[in-house]
C-alpha atoms as a PDB file:
ATOM      1  CA  UNK A   1     105.997  77.120 146.328  1.00  0.00           C
ATOM      2  CA  UNK A   2     108.566  77.121 142.879  1.00  0.00           C
ATOM      3  CA  UNK A   3     107.856  73.033 142.516  1.00  0.00           C
ATOM      4  CA  UNK A   4     110.642  73.263 139.501  1.00  0.00           C
ATOM      5  CA  UNK A   5     113.054  74.193 141.869  1.00  0.00           C
ATOM      6  CA  UNK A   6     111.701  71.862 144.599  1.00  0.00           C
ATOM      7  CA  UNK A   7     112.519  68.554 143.278  1.00  0.00           C
ATOM      8  CA  UNK A   8     116.264  66.785 141.710  1.00  0.00           C
ATOM      9  CA  UNK A   9     117.460  64.045 140.362  1.00  0.00           C
ATOM     10  CA  UNK A  10     121.119  62.947 141.961  1.00  0.00           C
ATOM     11  CA  UNK A  11     122.931  63.551 145.165  1.00  0.00           C
ATOM     12  CA  UNK A  12     122.867  60.519 147.851  1.00  0.00           C
ATOM     13  CA  UNK A  13     119.892  60.596 149.833  1.00  0.00           C
ATOM     14  CA  UNK A  14     118.748  58.390 153.167  1.00  0.00           C
ATOM     15  CA  UNK A  15     115.564  55.814 152.042  1.00  0.00           C
ATOM     16  CA  UNK A  16     113.721  53.076 152.184  1.00  0.00           C
ATOM     17  CA  UNK A  17     114.901  50.065 149.760  1.00  0.00           C
ATOM     18  CA  UNK A  18     112.225  49.105 146.799  1.00  0.00           C
ATOM     19  CA  UNK A  19     111.398  45.377 147.052  1.00  0.00           C
ATOM     20  CA  UNK A  20     112.402  43.420 143.533  1.00  0.00           C
ATOM     21  CA  UNK A  21     110.067  42.926 141.653  1.00  0.00           C
ATOM     22  CA  UNK A  22     109.699  41.210 137.972  1.00  0.00           C
ATOM     23  CA  UNK A  23     109.477  43.550 135.271  1.00  0.00           C
ATOM     24  CA  UNK A  24     105.727  42.323 135.015  1.00  0.00           C
ATOM     25  CA  UNK A  25     104.809  42.913 138.184  1.00  0.00           C
ATOM     26  CA  UNK A  26     103.805  45.940 138.627  1.00  0.00           C
ATOM     27  CA  UNK A  27     102.110  46.730 135.062  1.00  0.00           C
ATOM     28  CA  UNK A  28      99.807  44.024 135.688  1.00  0.00           C
ATOM     29  CA  UNK A  29      98.771  45.261 139.322  1.00  0.00           C
ATOM     30  CA  UNK A  30      97.715  48.845 137.109  1.00  0.00           C
ATOM     31  CA  UNK A  31      96.053  47.177 134.725  1.00  0.00           C
ATOM     32  CA  UNK A  32      93.960  44.773 137.022  1.00  0.00           C
ATOM     33  CA  UNK A  33      93.159  48.108 139.255  1.00  0.00           C
ATOM     34  CA  UNK A  34      92.143  49.594 135.924  1.00  0.00           C
ATOM     35  CA  UNK A  35      89.552  46.581 135.207  1.00  0.00           C
ATOM     36  CA  UNK A  36      88.168  46.617 138.794  1.00  0.00           C
ATOM     37  CA  UNK A  37      87.454  50.271 138.251  1.00  0.00           C
ATOM     38  CA  UNK A  38      86.037  49.828 135.004  1.00  0.00           C
ATOM     39  CA  UNK A  39      83.328  47.059 136.536  1.00  0.00           C
ATOM     40  CA  UNK A  40      82.365  49.265 138.684  1.00  0.00           C
ATOM     41  CA  UNK A  41      81.553  51.695 136.814  1.00  0.00           C
ATOM     42  CA  UNK A  42      84.257  54.106 136.844  1.00  0.00           C
ATOM     43  CA  UNK A  43      85.544  55.911 133.171  1.00  0.00           C
ATOM     44  CA  UNK A  44      87.885  54.224 131.100  1.00  0.00           C
ATOM     45  CA  UNK A  45      91.363  54.772 131.178  1.00  0.00           C
ATOM     46  CA  UNK A  46      94.583  54.450 129.994  1.00  0.00           C
ATOM     47  CA  UNK A  47      98.266  54.624 130.782  1.00  0.00           C
ATOM     48  CA  UNK A  48      99.767  57.961 129.230  1.00  0.00           C
ATOM     49  CA  UNK A  49     103.172  57.649 131.047  1.00  0.00           C
ATOM     50  CA  UNK A  50     104.761  55.942 134.393  1.00  0.00           C
ATOM     51  CA  UNK A  51     108.066  57.634 136.323  1.00  0.00           C
ATOM     52  CA  UNK A  52     109.706  57.042 139.770  1.00  0.00           C
ATOM     53  CA  UNK A  53     109.617  58.986 142.843  1.00  0.00           C
ATOM     54  CA  UNK A  54     111.403  58.875 145.727  1.00  0.00           C
ATOM     55  CA  UNK A  55     108.243  60.397 147.731  1.00  0.00           C
ATOM     56  CA  UNK A  56     109.431  62.349 150.983  1.00  0.00           C
ATOM     57  CA  UNK A  57     108.324  61.613 154.648  1.00  0.00           C
ATOM     58  CA  UNK A  58     108.764  63.176 157.928  1.00  0.00           C
ATOM     59  CA  UNK A  59     109.899  61.417 160.713  1.00  0.00           C
ATOM     60  CA  UNK A  60     108.971  63.560 163.928  1.00  0.00           C
ATOM     61  CA  UNK A  61     110.705  62.077 167.134  1.00  0.00           C
ATOM     62  CA  UNK A  62     108.148  63.320 170.228  1.00  0.00           C
ATOM     63  CA  UNK A  63     107.485  62.729 173.948  1.00  0.00           C
ATOM     64  CA  UNK A  64     104.308  62.549 175.559  1.00  0.00           C
ATOM     65  CA  UNK A  65     102.545  62.149 178.726  1.00  0.00           C
ATOM     66  CA  UNK A  66      99.069  60.541 179.907  1.00  0.00           C
ATOM     67  CA  UNK A  67      96.165  62.266 181.338  1.00  0.00           C
ATOM     68  CA  UNK A  68      94.644  62.257 184.460  1.00  0.00           C
ATOM     69  CA  UNK A  69      92.528  58.840 183.687  1.00  0.00           C
ATOM     70  CA  UNK A  70      95.632  56.442 183.591  1.00  0.00           C
ATOM     71  CA  UNK A  71      97.173  54.698 186.825  1.00  0.00           C
ATOM     72  CA  UNK A  72      99.333  57.133 189.368  1.00  0.00           C
ATOM     73  CA  UNK A  73     102.886  55.140 188.388  1.00  0.00           C
ATOM     74  CA  UNK A  74     101.639  56.663 184.920  1.00  0.00           C
ATOM     75  CA  UNK A  75     100.994  59.774 185.809  1.00  0.00           C
ATOM     76  CA  UNK A  76     104.194  62.705 185.226  1.00  0.00           C
ATOM     77  CA  UNK A  77     106.014  59.956 183.635  1.00  0.00           C
ATOM     78  CA  UNK A  78     107.343  61.233 179.630  1.00  0.00           C
ATOM     79  CA  UNK A  79     106.777  58.331 176.597  1.00  0.00           C
ATOM     80  CA  UNK A  80     109.160  57.934 173.563  1.00  0.00           C
ATOM     81  CA  UNK A  81     106.621  58.191 170.352  1.00  0.00           C
ATOM     82  CA  UNK A  82     107.416  58.598 166.918  1.00  0.00           C
ATOM     83  CA  UNK A  83     105.395  58.773 163.643  1.00  0.00           C
ATOM     84  CA  UNK A  84     105.618  60.087 159.940  1.00  0.00           C
ATOM     85  CA  UNK A  85     103.986  62.321 157.440  1.00  0.00           C
ATOM     86  CA  UNK A  86     103.893  62.851 153.949  1.00  0.00           C
ATOM     87  CA  UNK A  87     106.908  66.192 153.568  1.00  0.00           C
ATOM     88  CA  UNK A  88     105.599  66.711 150.112  1.00  0.00           C
ATOM     89  CA  UNK A  89     101.867  67.164 150.603  1.00  0.00           C
ATOM     90  CA  UNK A  90     102.147  67.911 154.167  1.00  0.00           C
ATOM     91  CA  UNK A  91     101.704  71.795 153.684  1.00  0.00           C
ATOM     92  CA  UNK A  92      98.772  71.578 151.393  1.00  0.00           C
ATOM     93  CA  UNK A  93      96.522  69.203 152.663  1.00  0.00           C
ATOM     94  CA  UNK A  94      93.075  71.468 153.130  1.00  0.00           C
ATOM     95  CA  UNK A  95      90.983  69.330 156.091  1.00  0.00           C
ATOM     96  CA  UNK A  96      91.006  66.839 159.175  1.00  0.00           C
ATOM     97  CA  UNK A  97      90.173  63.870 156.540  1.00  0.00           C
ATOM     98  CA  UNK A  98      93.329  64.724 154.489  1.00  0.00           C
ATOM     99  CA  UNK A  99      95.713  65.023 156.855  1.00  0.00           C
ATOM    100  CA  UNK A 100      94.708  61.689 158.272  1.00  0.00           C
ATOM    101  CA  UNK A 101      95.607  60.763 154.961  1.00  0.00           C
ATOM    102  CA  UNK A 102      99.145  61.678 155.018  1.00  0.00           C
ATOM    103  CA  UNK A 103     100.540  59.681 158.305  1.00  0.00           C
ATOM    104  CA  UNK A 104     102.529  56.537 157.881  1.00  0.00           C
ATOM    105  CA  UNK A 105     104.168  55.493 160.793  1.00  0.00           C
ATOM    106  CA  UNK A 106     104.080  52.092 159.922  1.00  0.00           C
ATOM    107  CA  UNK A 107     107.053  53.014 157.378  1.00  0.00           C
ATOM    108  CA  UNK A 108     109.003  53.095 160.500  1.00  0.00           C
ATOM    109  CA  UNK A 109     109.520  49.670 160.813  1.00  0.00           C
ATOM    110  CA  UNK A 110     111.595  49.536 157.822  1.00  0.00           C
ATOM    111  CA  UNK A 111     115.291  50.432 157.685  1.00  0.00           C
ATOM    112  CA  UNK A 112     116.887  53.275 155.910  1.00  0.00           C
ATOM    113  CA  UNK A 113     119.949  53.340 154.058  1.00  0.00           C
ATOM    114  CA  UNK A 114     121.902  55.692 151.649  1.00  0.00           C
ATOM    115  CA  UNK A 115     120.668  55.645 148.740  1.00  0.00           C
ATOM    116  CA  UNK A 116     121.824  57.329 145.147  1.00  0.00           C
ATOM    117  CA  UNK A 117     118.954  57.414 142.897  1.00  0.00           C
ATOM    118  CA  UNK A 118     119.270  56.085 139.013  1.00  0.00           C
ATOM    119  CA  UNK A 119     118.914  58.683 135.926  1.00  0.00           C
ATOM    120  CA  UNK A 120     114.982  59.078 135.767  1.00  0.00           C
ATOM    121  CA  UNK A 121     114.347  58.393 139.150  1.00  0.00           C
ATOM    122  CA  UNK A 122     112.846  61.972 140.710  1.00  0.00           C
ATOM    123  CA  UNK A 123     113.910  62.662 144.538  1.00  0.00           C
ATOM    124  CA  UNK A 124     110.506  64.175 145.830  1.00  0.00           C
ATOM    125  CA  UNK A 125     111.600  67.170 148.574  1.00  0.00           C
ATOM    126  CA  UNK A 126     109.705  68.738 151.776  1.00  0.00           C
ATOM    127  CA  UNK A 127     107.038  71.483 151.637  1.00  0.00           C
ATOM    128  CA  UNK A 128     109.214  75.037 151.823  1.00  0.00           C
ATOM    129  CA  UNK A 129     106.443  76.269 153.889  1.00  0.00           C
ATOM    130  CA  UNK A 130     106.858  75.700 157.445  1.00  0.00           C
ATOM    131  CA  UNK A 131     105.655  73.350 159.464  1.00  0.00           C
ATOM    132  CA  UNK A 132     104.466  73.048 163.144  1.00  0.00           C
ATOM    133  CA  UNK A 133     104.442  69.897 163.601  1.00  0.00           C
ATOM    134  CA  UNK A 134     103.666  70.221 167.785  1.00  0.00           C
ATOM    135  CA  UNK A 135     100.409  72.083 166.044  1.00  0.00           C
ATOM    136  CA  UNK A 136      99.825  68.906 164.169  1.00  0.00           C
ATOM    137  CA  UNK A 137      99.894  66.693 166.651  1.00  0.00           C
ATOM    138  CA  UNK A 138      98.215  68.417 169.172  1.00  0.00           C
ATOM    139  CA  UNK A 139      95.897  69.115 167.371  1.00  0.00           C
ATOM    140  CA  UNK A 140      94.670  65.162 166.586  1.00  0.00           C
ATOM    141  CA  UNK A 141      95.430  64.627 170.467  1.00  0.00           C
ATOM    142  CA  UNK A 142      92.754  67.319 170.983  1.00  0.00           C
ATOM    143  CA  UNK A 143      89.936  65.421 168.387  1.00  0.00           C
ATOM    144  CA  UNK A 144      90.726  62.264 169.495  1.00  0.00           C
ATOM    145  CA  UNK A 145      89.509  62.985 172.835  1.00  0.00           C
ATOM    146  CA  UNK A 146      86.290  65.025 171.510  1.00  0.00           C
ATOM    147  CA  UNK A 147      85.545  61.934 169.630  1.00  0.00           C
ATOM    148  CA  UNK A 148      85.786  60.100 172.430  1.00  0.00           C
ATOM    149  CA  UNK A 149      83.429  61.930 174.583  1.00  0.00           C
ATOM    150  CA  UNK A 150      80.982  61.741 171.875  1.00  0.00           C
ATOM    151  CA  UNK A 151      81.350  57.894 171.978  1.00  0.00           C
ATOM    152  CA  UNK A 152      81.182  58.104 175.524  1.00  0.00           C
ATOM    153  CA  UNK A 153      77.254  60.209 175.696  1.00  0.00           C
ATOM    154  CA  UNK A 154      76.500  57.867 172.325  1.00  0.00           C
ATOM    155  CA  UNK A 155      77.326  54.693 173.950  1.00  0.00           C
ATOM    156  CA  UNK A 156      75.262  55.701 176.850  1.00  0.00           C
ATOM    157  CA  UNK A 157      72.232  56.763 175.139  1.00  0.00           C
ATOM    158  CA  UNK A 158      72.372  53.061 172.864  1.00  0.00           C
ATOM    159  CA  UNK A 159      72.873  51.301 176.610  1.00  0.00           C
ATOM    160  CA  UNK A 160      69.435  53.124 177.895  1.00  0.00           C
ATOM    161  CA  UNK A 161      67.516  52.525 174.504  1.00  0.00           C
ATOM    162  CA  UNK A 162      68.749  48.782 174.611  1.00  0.00           C
ATOM    163  CA  UNK A 163      67.145  48.684 178.146  1.00  0.00           C
ATOM    164  CA  UNK A 164      64.014  50.256 177.497  1.00  0.00           C
ATOM    165  CA  UNK A 165      64.061  47.777 174.410  1.00  0.00           C
ATOM    166  CA  UNK A 166      64.534  44.887 176.479  1.00  0.00           C
ATOM    167  CA  UNK A 167      61.284  45.939 178.780  1.00  0.00           C
ATOM    168  CA  UNK A 168      59.090  47.506 176.231  1.00  0.00           C
ATOM    169  CA  UNK A 169      59.611  45.434 172.977  1.00  0.00           C
ATOM    170  CA  UNK A 170      55.951  44.608 172.512  1.00  0.00           C
ATOM    171  CA  UNK A 171      54.959  48.104 172.071  1.00  0.00           C
ATOM    172  CA  UNK A 172      58.346  49.392 170.932  1.00  0.00           C
ATOM    173  CA  UNK A 173      57.391  51.976 167.975  1.00  0.00           C
ATOM    174  CA  UNK A 174      59.528  51.358 164.742  1.00  0.00           C
ATOM    175  CA  UNK A 175      61.088  54.523 165.371  1.00  0.00           C
ATOM    176  CA  UNK A 176      62.848  53.534 168.285  1.00  0.00           C
ATOM    177  CA  UNK A 177      64.534  50.335 166.761  1.00  0.00           C
ATOM    178  CA  UNK A 178      65.924  53.174 163.511  1.00  0.00           C
ATOM    179  CA  UNK A 179      67.315  55.298 166.144  1.00  0.00           C
ATOM    180  CA  UNK A 180      69.118  52.589 167.387  1.00  0.00           C
ATOM    181  CA  UNK A 181      70.650  51.357 163.985  1.00  0.00           C
ATOM    182  CA  UNK A 182      71.727  55.109 163.625  1.00  0.00           C
ATOM    183  CA  UNK A 183      73.198  55.468 166.204  1.00  0.00           C
ATOM    184  CA  UNK A 184      75.621  52.429 166.373  1.00  0.00           C
ATOM    185  CA  UNK A 185      75.885  53.545 162.579  1.00  0.00           C
ATOM    186  CA  UNK A 186      77.225  56.675 164.245  1.00  0.00           C
ATOM    187  CA  UNK A 187      79.460  54.875 166.998  1.00  0.00           C
ATOM    188  CA  UNK A 188      81.118  52.414 164.542  1.00  0.00           C
ATOM    189  CA  UNK A 189      82.178  55.773 163.085  1.00  0.00           C
ATOM    190  CA  UNK A 190      83.144  57.612 166.108  1.00  0.00           C
ATOM    191  CA  UNK A 191      85.035  54.297 166.716  1.00  0.00           C
ATOM    192  CA  UNK A 192      87.291  53.380 163.542  1.00  0.00           C
ATOM    193  CA  UNK A 193      87.729  57.572 163.674  1.00  0.00           C
ATOM    194  CA  UNK A 194      89.516  57.296 166.690  1.00  0.00           C
ATOM    195  CA  UNK A 195      91.259  54.113 165.931  1.00  0.00           C
ATOM    196  CA  UNK A 196      92.697  56.166 162.651  1.00  0.00           C
ATOM    197  CA  UNK A 197      94.153  58.842 165.060  1.00  0.00           C
ATOM    198  CA  UNK A 198      95.151  56.670 167.813  1.00  0.00           C
ATOM    199  CA  UNK A 199      97.476  54.460 164.336  1.00  0.00           C
ATOM    200  CA  UNK A 200      98.276  58.504 163.170  1.00  0.00           C
ATOM    201  CA  UNK A 201     100.420  59.314 166.894  1.00  0.00           C
ATOM    202  CA  UNK A 202     101.119  56.038 166.534  1.00  0.00           C
ATOM    203  CA  UNK A 203     100.115  55.818 170.380  1.00  0.00           C
ATOM    204  CA  UNK A 204      97.444  53.909 171.394  1.00  0.00           C
ATOM    205  CA  UNK A 205      97.019  55.558 174.787  1.00  0.00           C
ATOM    206  CA  UNK A 206      95.569  58.402 176.365  1.00  0.00           C
ATOM    207  CA  UNK A 207      97.915  61.318 176.396  1.00  0.00           C
ATOM    208  CA  UNK A 208      97.050  64.845 178.128  1.00  0.00           C
ATOM    209  CA  UNK A 209      99.956  66.093 175.700  1.00  0.00           C
ATOM    210  CA  UNK A 210     103.262  66.034 173.451  1.00  0.00           C
ATOM    211  CA  UNK A 211     106.358  67.795 172.487  1.00  0.00           C
ATOM    212  CA  UNK A 212     108.160  66.989 169.377  1.00  0.00           C
ATOM    213  CA  UNK A 213     111.934  66.547 170.220  1.00  0.00           C
ATOM    214  CA  UNK A 214     113.344  66.310 166.879  1.00  0.00           C
ATOM    215  CA  UNK A 215     112.731  65.313 162.620  1.00  0.00           C
ATOM    216  CA  UNK A 216     113.926  64.620 159.605  1.00  0.00           C
ATOM    217  CA  UNK A 217     113.673  63.482 156.441  1.00  0.00           C
ATOM    218  CA  UNK A 218     113.611  59.617 154.555  1.00  0.00           C
ATOM    219  CA  UNK A 219     112.228  58.875 151.026  1.00  0.00           C
ATOM    220  CA  UNK A 220     109.954  55.856 149.972  1.00  0.00           C
ATOM    221  CA  UNK A 221     110.205  54.751 147.285  1.00  0.00           C
ATOM    222  CA  UNK A 222     106.505  55.045 144.577  1.00  0.00           C
ATOM    223  CA  UNK A 223     105.669  54.251 141.015  1.00  0.00           C
ATOM    224  CA  UNK A 224     104.077  57.058 139.565  1.00  0.00           C
ATOM    225  CA  UNK A 225     101.121  56.210 136.952  1.00  0.00           C
ATOM    226  CA  UNK A 226      99.714  58.961 134.629  1.00  0.00           C
ATOM    227  CA  UNK A 227      95.769  58.043 133.781  1.00  0.00           C
ATOM    228  CA  UNK A 228      94.086  59.488 131.101  1.00  0.00           C
ATOM    229  CA  UNK A 229      90.150  59.328 130.569  1.00  0.00           C
ATOM    230  CA  UNK A 230      89.690  58.022 127.177  1.00  0.00           C
ATOM    231  CA  UNK A 231      86.690  60.333 126.871  1.00  0.00           C
ATOM    232  CA  UNK A 232      87.594  63.413 128.120  1.00  0.00           C
ATOM    233  CA  UNK A 233      91.280  62.806 128.518  1.00  0.00           C
ATOM    234  CA  UNK A 234      91.551  64.308 131.993  1.00  0.00           C
ATOM    235  CA  UNK A 235      94.256  63.493 133.967  1.00  0.00           C
ATOM    236  CA  UNK A 236      94.722  61.706 137.448  1.00  0.00           C
ATOM    237  CA  UNK A 237      97.804  60.167 139.147  1.00  0.00           C
ATOM    238  CA  UNK A 238      97.470  56.131 140.317  1.00  0.00           C
ATOM    239  CA  UNK A 239     100.690  55.800 143.081  1.00  0.00           C
ATOM    240  CA  UNK A 240     102.388  52.342 143.881  1.00  0.00           C
ATOM    241  CA  UNK A 241     104.311  51.777 146.656  1.00  0.00           C
ATOM    242  CA  UNK A 242     107.436  49.632 145.762  1.00  0.00           C
ATOM    243  CA  UNK A 243     107.662  48.415 148.953  1.00  0.00           C
ATOM    244  CA  UNK A 244     106.141  45.106 149.031  1.00  0.00           C
ATOM    245  CA  UNK A 245     103.281  44.310 152.146  1.00  0.00           C
ATOM    246  CA  UNK A 246     103.971  40.820 151.717  1.00  0.00           C
ATOM    247  CA  UNK A 247     105.224  37.765 150.115  1.00  0.00           C
ATOM    248  CA  UNK A 248     104.110  38.204 146.444  1.00  0.00           C
ATOM    249  CA  UNK A 249     102.899  41.437 145.455  1.00  0.00           C
ATOM    250  CA  UNK A 250      98.963  42.581 147.056  1.00  0.00           C
ATOM    251  CA  UNK A 251      96.238  44.999 145.639  1.00  0.00           C
ATOM    252  CA  UNK A 252      97.580  46.970 148.829  1.00  0.00           C
ATOM    253  CA  UNK A 253     100.953  48.252 147.461  1.00  0.00           C
ATOM    254  CA  UNK A 254      98.447  50.362 145.635  1.00  0.00           C
ATOM    255  CA  UNK A 255      98.085  53.842 147.854  1.00  0.00           C
ATOM    256  CA  UNK A 256      94.783  54.416 147.293  1.00  0.00           C
ATOM    257  CA  UNK A 257      94.653  57.270 150.083  1.00  0.00           C
ATOM    258  CA  UNK A 258      97.475  59.197 148.658  1.00  0.00           C
ATOM    259  CA  UNK A 259      95.710  58.160 145.327  1.00  0.00           C
ATOM    260  CA  UNK A 260      92.360  59.363 146.168  1.00  0.00           C
ATOM    261  CA  UNK A 261      94.673  62.919 147.884  1.00  0.00           C
ATOM    262  CA  UNK A 262      95.662  63.701 145.196  1.00  0.00           C
ATOM    263  CA  UNK A 263      92.120  63.435 142.978  1.00  0.00           C
ATOM    264  CA  UNK A 264      90.269  65.518 145.355  1.00  0.00           C
ATOM    265  CA  UNK A 265      93.336  68.589 146.048  1.00  0.00           C
ATOM    266  CA  UNK A 266      94.470  70.706 142.825  1.00  0.00           C
ATOM    267  CA  UNK A 267      97.515  71.652 144.873  1.00  0.00           C
ATOM    268  CA  UNK A 268      98.873  67.685 146.023  1.00  0.00           C
ATOM    269  CA  UNK A 269      98.084  66.725 142.123  1.00  0.00           C
ATOM    270  CA  UNK A 270      99.841  69.410 140.473  1.00  0.00           C
ATOM    271  CA  UNK A 271     102.884  68.725 142.982  1.00  0.00           C
ATOM    272  CA  UNK A 272     103.260  64.974 141.593  1.00  0.00           C
ATOM    273  CA  UNK A 273     102.730  65.873 138.353  1.00  0.00           C
ATOM    274  CA  UNK A 274     105.369  68.870 137.888  1.00  0.00           C
ATOM    275  CA  UNK A 275     107.584  66.126 140.446  1.00  0.00           C
ATOM    276  CA  UNK A 276     107.449  63.425 137.814  1.00  0.00           C
ATOM    277  CA  UNK A 277     107.129  65.731 134.170  1.00  0.00           C
ATOM    278  CA  UNK A 278     110.692  65.345 133.392  1.00  0.00           C
ATOM    279  CA  UNK A 279     110.901  61.613 134.570  1.00  0.00           C
ATOM    280  CA  UNK A 280     107.775  60.006 132.613  1.00  0.00           C
ATOM    281  CA  UNK A 281     108.002  57.387 130.596  1.00  0.00           C
ATOM    282  CA  UNK A 282     105.697  56.284 127.797  1.00  0.00           C
ATOM    283  CA  UNK A 283     102.587  53.845 129.061  1.00  0.00           C
END
């Protein structure tokens, strides 16, 4: 994809309005993040530039139907739902873990309005590659079912081990206790994955299948900081949300998942670099 032709700097868009910040709030947030990373033993970095990027998201409207595990009243009924995923990165993610990083159904609770970006603000475009929304979402449903089946098996095993422990607590070998701990940790990871997929789908029910009805694009305001390593000058990007999550600017306004995605995925990193190259201001 020709990145230079995929971004434009003017014209009307529909997006979520940024919150009103004091001019010093966001630089202080970034400074705090960098200091915290140094305390954690990460490389010392400095801000080489910053720019405003209107990040594109697909709003995907769909209908779904329940599985045979549901009550008879629910069977055959088609229920509406919608979710949102990053339109800039969706064609560039490499695996399931990266895919789960780009969903943002919580953005749908904000009202979208007509906005004219100001000079220097960059409007990100959706990937030019076709997106198979039904394939993506149906794949997540299939993965959730697999996780639920595995959870059922692991919980059954843990329950049997617990009964054995109650019966033979004085004779129980250390190895069995270790196995029980490992099972508990695996169950916790599987449960977290199941909940994450439910959040991404924005459906907290058993689902047999779905059909995508419609999709459109809205834009979400972010501030992108170009960070340079003080030792070797390698570059990475820190993405900060410009919509407050609460009454004050919390640490959560740093989009940890998109920042991490750009760290590990070279294509996503290049897309951000190309998008903000012309708008960056000195740090």
